[in-house]
Amino acid sequence: MKNYYTNLSAEILSVAQSNGDSSSLRRQLYFTRADKLEKNLNTDDLKKTFWINIYYAYFLILKKENVNQDRIKTFKRIRIAGTAISLNDIEFGILKKSTLRVGTIHFENPFYSKFVKKMSISEMDYRIHFVIQSITLKKILFNFYDIDLLHEQLQETMKHFISQKIIKVPSFK
């Protein structure tokens, strides 16, 4: 099942990965109407695919633009459907179901914009945490996430991330 917006997100990501100019593609997203985006991203899988690709693309774009590393996730530089959002808005507001991070604790955030709340997935998928961490640590397995392969890609990313983080403890025999 191909979707215009998931394809557009993959195309923006592809251009960002090759250090190309994605401004004309990003302009399409900016001028998209929010209700049209919501209508076309009508399942959690479509939303996850679209927003993971957008997160990854903008992470690369912002790094290329030399945005201060301390502010890269909070900088509201991403413009979609006439709304400015940040990587944190995508990660915690959309992909992690409108959560607010206070230290290491997450709460439902009542202060997210109407746009972020509309775009938010309806059911939390904990594999997304591993995808986001893989992107920020530059240990990503896939060039882009595909709606037809999403569950397999999320599962593989989670397994790969966990296997990389396992520390072998010496045996005490």
C-alpha atoms as a PDB file:
ATOM      1  CA  MET A   1       0.000   0.000   0.000  1.00  0.00           C
ATOM      2  CA  LYS A   2       1.800   3.126  -1.203  1.00  0.00           C
ATOM      3  CA  ASN A   3       0.994   6.458   0.340  1.00  0.00           C
ATOM      4  CA  TYR A   4       2.000   9.838  -1.068  1.00  0.00           C
ATOM      5  CA  TYR A   5       3.218  11.202   2.272  1.00  0.00           C
ATOM      6  CA  THR A   6       5.215   8.133   3.301  1.00  0.00           C
ATOM      7  CA  ASN A   7       6.850   8.196  -0.140  1.00  0.00           C
ATOM      8  CA  LEU A   8       7.572  11.913   0.228  1.00  0.00           C
ATOM      9  CA  SER A   9       9.148  11.341   3.644  1.00  0.00           C
ATOM     10  CA  ALA A  10      11.350   8.578   2.209  1.00  0.00           C
ATOM     11  CA  GLU A  11      12.343  10.859  -0.672  1.00  0.00           C
ATOM     12  CA  ILE A  12      13.277  13.713   1.692  1.00  0.00           C
ATOM     13  CA  LEU A  13      15.326  11.262   3.748  1.00  0.00           C
ATOM     14  CA  SER A  14      17.081   9.919   0.657  1.00  0.00           C
ATOM     15  CA  VAL A  15      18.060  13.434  -0.434  1.00  0.00           C
ATOM     16  CA  ALA A  16      19.231  14.293   3.109  1.00  0.00           C
ATOM     17  CA  GLN A  17      21.370  11.128   3.225  1.00  0.00           C
ATOM     18  CA  SER A  18      23.085  12.129  -0.017  1.00  0.00           C
ATOM     19  CA  ASN A  19      23.649  15.704   1.267  1.00  0.00           C
ATOM     20  CA  GLY A  20      21.391  17.037  -1.472  1.00  0.00           C
ATOM     21  CA  ASP A  21      19.022  20.001  -1.408  1.00  0.00           C
ATOM     22  CA  SER A  22      15.630  18.872  -0.113  1.00  0.00           C
ATOM     23  CA  SER A  23      14.130  22.363   0.187  1.00  0.00           C
ATOM     24  CA  SER A  24      11.586  21.885  -2.651  1.00  0.00           C
ATOM     25  CA  LEU A  25      10.390  18.603  -1.096  1.00  0.00           C
ATOM     26  CA  ARG A  26      10.226  20.172   2.361  1.00  0.00           C
ATOM     27  CA  ARG A  27       8.255  23.071   0.874  1.00  0.00           C
ATOM     28  CA  GLN A  28       5.613  20.548  -0.258  1.00  0.00           C
ATOM     29  CA  LEU A  29       5.249  19.418   3.355  1.00  0.00           C
ATOM     30  CA  TYR A  30       5.027  22.963   4.633  1.00  0.00           C
ATOM     31  CA  PHE A  31       2.170  23.839   2.261  1.00  0.00           C
ATOM     32  CA  THR A  32       0.268  20.602   2.890  1.00  0.00           C
ATOM     33  CA  ARG A  33      -2.949  21.146   4.820  1.00  0.00           C
ATOM     34  CA  ALA A  34      -3.002  19.522   8.265  1.00  0.00           C
ATOM     35  CA  ASP A  35      -6.408  17.922   7.666  1.00  0.00           C
ATOM     36  CA  LYS A  36      -5.163  16.378   4.409  1.00  0.00           C
ATOM     37  CA  LEU A  37      -2.076  14.995   6.145  1.00  0.00           C
ATOM     38  CA  GLU A  38      -4.224  13.610   8.965  1.00  0.00           C
ATOM     39  CA  LYS A  39      -6.636  12.026   6.462  1.00  0.00           C
ATOM     40  CA  ASN A  40      -3.807  10.338   4.528  1.00  0.00           C
ATOM     41  CA  LEU A  41      -1.919   9.179   7.625  1.00  0.00           C
ATOM     42  CA  ASN A  42      -4.962   7.445   9.037  1.00  0.00           C
ATOM     43  CA  THR A  43      -3.315   4.413  10.678  1.00  0.00           C
ATOM     44  CA  ASP A  44      -0.601   4.128  13.299  1.00  0.00           C
ATOM     45  CA  ASP A  45       1.645   2.279  10.844  1.00  0.00           C
ATOM     46  CA  LEU A  46       1.375   5.088   8.267  1.00  0.00           C
ATOM     47  CA  LYS A  47       2.085   7.663  10.976  1.00  0.00           C
ATOM     48  CA  LYS A  48       5.082   5.709  12.294  1.00  0.00           C
ATOM     49  CA  THR A  49       6.542   5.268   8.818  1.00  0.00           C
ATOM     50  CA  PHE A  50       6.093   8.921   7.896  1.00  0.00           C
ATOM     51  CA  TRP A  51       7.306  10.394  11.182  1.00  0.00           C
ATOM     52  CA  ILE A  52      10.314   8.082  11.629  1.00  0.00           C
ATOM     53  CA  ASN A  53      11.517   9.012   8.141  1.00  0.00           C
ATOM     54  CA  ILE A  54      10.893  12.720   8.812  1.00  0.00           C
ATOM     55  CA  TYR A  55      12.702  12.500  12.158  1.00  0.00           C
ATOM     56  CA  TYR A  56      15.715  10.832  10.545  1.00  0.00           C
ATOM     57  CA  ALA A  57      15.766  13.267   7.603  1.00  0.00           C
ATOM     58  CA  TYR A  58      15.582  16.362   9.787  1.00  0.00           C
ATOM     59  CA  PHE A  59      18.149  14.971  12.199  1.00  0.00           C
ATOM     60  CA  LEU A  60      20.554  14.768   9.238  1.00  0.00           C
ATOM     61  CA  ILE A  61      19.496  18.162   7.857  1.00  0.00           C
ATOM     62  CA  LEU A  62      19.922  19.933  11.203  1.00  0.00           C
ATOM     63  CA  LYS A  63      23.326  18.314  11.764  1.00  0.00           C
ATOM     64  CA  LYS A  64      24.388  19.459   8.290  1.00  0.00           C
ATOM     65  CA  GLU A  65      23.229  23.007   9.103  1.00  0.00           C
ATOM     66  CA  ASN A  66      25.449  22.920  12.211  1.00  0.00           C
ATOM     67  CA  VAL A  67      22.626  23.487  14.666  1.00  0.00           C
ATOM     68  CA  ASN A  68      24.003  23.565  18.208  1.00  0.00           C
ATOM     69  CA  GLN A  69      24.142  19.933  19.377  1.00  0.00           C
ATOM     70  CA  ASP A  70      22.626  20.869  22.755  1.00  0.00           C
ATOM     71  CA  ARG A  71      19.588  22.363  21.002  1.00  0.00           C
ATOM     72  CA  ILE A  72      19.198  20.061  17.987  1.00  0.00           C
ATOM     73  CA  LYS A  73      16.215  18.216  19.463  1.00  0.00           C
ATOM     74  CA  THR A  74      14.418  21.273  20.854  1.00  0.00           C
ATOM     75  CA  PHE A  75      14.977  23.647  17.919  1.00  0.00           C
ATOM     76  CA  LYS A  76      11.578  24.219  16.214  1.00  0.00           C
ATOM     77  CA  ARG A  77      13.002  24.221  12.700  1.00  0.00           C
ATOM     78  CA  ILE A  78      10.788  21.544  11.126  1.00  0.00           C
ATOM     79  CA  ARG A  79       7.868  23.074   9.237  1.00  0.00           C
ATOM     80  CA  ILE A  80       5.014  20.788   8.283  1.00  0.00           C
ATOM     81  CA  ALA A  81       1.466  21.839   7.393  1.00  0.00           C
ATOM     82  CA  GLY A  82       2.235  25.428   8.362  1.00  0.00           C
ATOM     83  CA  THR A  83       3.373  24.394  11.854  1.00  0.00           C
ATOM     84  CA  ALA A  84       6.873  24.607  13.318  1.00  0.00           C
ATOM     85  CA  ILE A  85       7.849  21.566  15.364  1.00  0.00           C
ATOM     86  CA  SER A  86      11.037  20.097  16.834  1.00  0.00           C
ATOM     87  CA  LEU A  87      12.594  16.652  16.871  1.00  0.00           C
ATOM     88  CA  ASN A  88      11.377  16.354  20.481  1.00  0.00           C
ATOM     89  CA  ASP A  89       7.826  17.134  19.326  1.00  0.00           C
ATOM     90  CA  ILE A  90       8.092  14.284  16.821  1.00  0.00           C
ATOM     91  CA  GLU A  91       9.708  11.843  19.242  1.00  0.00           C
ATOM     92  CA  PHE A  92       7.686  12.498  22.386  1.00  0.00           C
ATOM     93  CA  GLY A  93       4.544  14.178  21.054  1.00  0.00           C
ATOM     94  CA  ILE A  94       3.841  12.103  17.958  1.00  0.00           C
ATOM     95  CA  LEU A  95       5.776   8.830  18.054  1.00  0.00           C
ATOM     96  CA  LYS A  96       5.605   8.317  21.813  1.00  0.00           C
ATOM     97  CA  LYS A  97       2.005   9.407  22.222  1.00  0.00           C
ATOM     98  CA  SER A  98       2.227  12.939  23.618  1.00  0.00           C
ATOM     99  CA  THR A  99       4.615  12.254  26.447  1.00  0.00           C
ATOM    100  CA  LEU A 100       6.490  14.913  28.357  1.00  0.00           C
ATOM    101  CA  ARG A 101       9.961  14.027  29.553  1.00  0.00           C
ATOM    102  CA  VAL A 102      10.960  15.337  32.968  1.00  0.00           C
ATOM    103  CA  GLY A 103      14.366  13.875  33.712  1.00  0.00           C
ATOM    104  CA  THR A 104      13.886  10.167  33.142  1.00  0.00           C
ATOM    105  CA  ILE A 105      10.135  10.165  33.825  1.00  0.00           C
ATOM    106  CA  HIS A 106       7.507  10.520  31.073  1.00  0.00           C
ATOM    107  CA  PHE A 107       4.052  12.065  31.552  1.00  0.00           C
ATOM    108  CA  GLU A 108       1.222  12.773  29.145  1.00  0.00           C
ATOM    109  CA  ASN A 109       1.792  16.354  28.066  1.00  0.00           C
ATOM    110  CA  PRO A 110      -1.325  18.538  27.910  1.00  0.00           C
ATOM    111  CA  PHE A 111       0.639  21.426  26.356  1.00  0.00           C
ATOM    112  CA  TYR A 112       1.413  19.989  22.922  1.00  0.00           C
ATOM    113  CA  SER A 113      -0.069  21.871  19.991  1.00  0.00           C
ATOM    114  CA  LYS A 114      -3.303  20.732  18.393  1.00  0.00           C
ATOM    115  CA  PHE A 115      -1.282  19.654  15.342  1.00  0.00           C
ATOM    116  CA  VAL A 116       1.028  17.388  17.371  1.00  0.00           C
ATOM    117  CA  LYS A 117      -1.928  15.847  19.197  1.00  0.00           C
ATOM    118  CA  LYS A 118      -3.740  15.159  15.892  1.00  0.00           C
ATOM    119  CA  MET A 119      -0.658  13.528  14.369  1.00  0.00           C
ATOM    120  CA  SER A 120       0.087  11.426  17.459  1.00  0.00           C
ATOM    121  CA  ILE A 121      -0.089   7.652  17.229  1.00  0.00           C
ATOM    122  CA  SER A 122      -2.948   6.090  19.164  1.00  0.00           C
ATOM    123  CA  GLU A 123      -1.070   3.130  20.645  1.00  0.00           C
ATOM    124  CA  MET A 124       2.461   3.256  22.041  1.00  0.00           C
ATOM    125  CA  ASP A 125       5.062   1.088  20.286  1.00  0.00           C
ATOM    126  CA  TYR A 126       8.165   0.695  22.445  1.00  0.00           C
ATOM    127  CA  ARG A 127      10.292  -0.348  19.468  1.00  0.00           C
ATOM    128  CA  ILE A 128      10.259   3.301  18.390  1.00  0.00           C
ATOM    129  CA  HIS A 129      12.616   4.096  21.271  1.00  0.00           C
ATOM    130  CA  PHE A 130      15.254   1.851  19.687  1.00  0.00           C
ATOM    131  CA  VAL A 131      14.765   3.448  16.269  1.00  0.00           C
ATOM    132  CA  ILE A 132      15.240   6.972  17.672  1.00  0.00           C
ATOM    133  CA  GLN A 133      18.292   5.904  19.660  1.00  0.00           C
ATOM    134  CA  SER A 134      19.758   4.197  16.591  1.00  0.00           C
ATOM    135  CA  ILE A 135      19.314   7.399  14.584  1.00  0.00           C
ATOM    136  CA  THR A 136      20.924   9.641  17.194  1.00  0.00           C
ATOM    137  CA  LEU A 137      23.806   7.198  17.716  1.00  0.00           C
ATOM    138  CA  LYS A 138      24.248   6.799  13.933  1.00  0.00           C
ATOM    139  CA  LYS A 139      23.700   3.033  14.071  1.00  0.00           C
ATOM    140  CA  ILE A 140      20.731   2.936  11.728  1.00  0.00           C
ATOM    141  CA  LEU A 141      20.117  -0.296   9.805  1.00  0.00           C
ATOM    142  CA  PHE A 142      17.799   0.910   7.049  1.00  0.00           C
ATOM    143  CA  ASN A 143      18.011   3.711   4.503  1.00  0.00           C
ATOM    144  CA  PHE A 144      14.339   4.465   5.151  1.00  0.00           C
ATOM    145  CA  TYR A 145      11.321   2.863   6.771  1.00  0.00           C
ATOM    146  CA  ASP A 146       8.762   1.344   4.408  1.00  0.00           C
ATOM    147  CA  ILE A 147       5.095   0.877   5.287  1.00  0.00           C
ATOM    148  CA  ASP A 148       5.101  -2.633   3.802  1.00  0.00           C
ATOM    149  CA  LEU A 149       8.101  -3.710   5.912  1.00  0.00           C
ATOM    150  CA  LEU A 150       7.551  -1.557   8.983  1.00  0.00           C
ATOM    151  CA  HIS A 151       7.009  -4.270  11.608  1.00  0.00           C
ATOM    152  CA  GLU A 152       9.986  -6.295  10.417  1.00  0.00           C
ATOM    153  CA  GLN A 153      12.175  -3.171  10.302  1.00  0.00           C
ATOM    154  CA  LEU A 154      11.146  -2.084  13.809  1.00  0.00           C
ATOM    155  CA  GLN A 155      11.747  -5.568  15.160  1.00  0.00           C
ATOM    156  CA  GLU A 156      15.150  -5.856  13.471  1.00  0.00           C
ATOM    157  CA  THR A 157      16.216  -2.406  14.706  1.00  0.00           C
ATOM    158  CA  MET A 158      15.222  -3.298  18.261  1.00  0.00           C
ATOM    159  CA  LYS A 159      17.094  -6.615  18.179  1.00  0.00           C
ATOM    160  CA  HIS A 160      20.190  -5.020  16.647  1.00  0.00           C
ATOM    161  CA  PHE A 161      20.229  -2.166  19.155  1.00  0.00           C
ATOM    162  CA  ILE A 162      19.841  -4.497  22.123  1.00  0.00           C
ATOM    163  CA  SER A 163      22.528  -6.870  20.845  1.00  0.00           C
ATOM    164  CA  GLN A 164      24.941  -3.922  20.504  1.00  0.00           C
ATOM    165  CA  LYS A 165      24.262  -2.788  24.057  1.00  0.00           C
ATOM    166  CA  ILE A 166      24.714  -6.138  25.788  1.00  0.00           C
ATOM    167  CA  ILE A 167      27.850  -6.094  27.892  1.00  0.00           C
ATOM    168  CA  LYS A 168      29.417  -9.446  28.435  1.00  0.00           C
ATOM    169  CA  VAL A 169      29.999 -10.015  32.124  1.00  0.00           C
ATOM    170  CA  PRO A 170      32.979 -12.227  32.945  1.00  0.00           C
ATOM    171  CA  SER A 171      32.035 -15.495  34.523  1.00  0.00           C
ATOM    172  CA  PHE A 172      33.052 -16.016  38.122  1.00  0.00           C
ATOM    173  CA  LYS A 173      33.873 -19.724  38.200  1.00  0.00           C
END
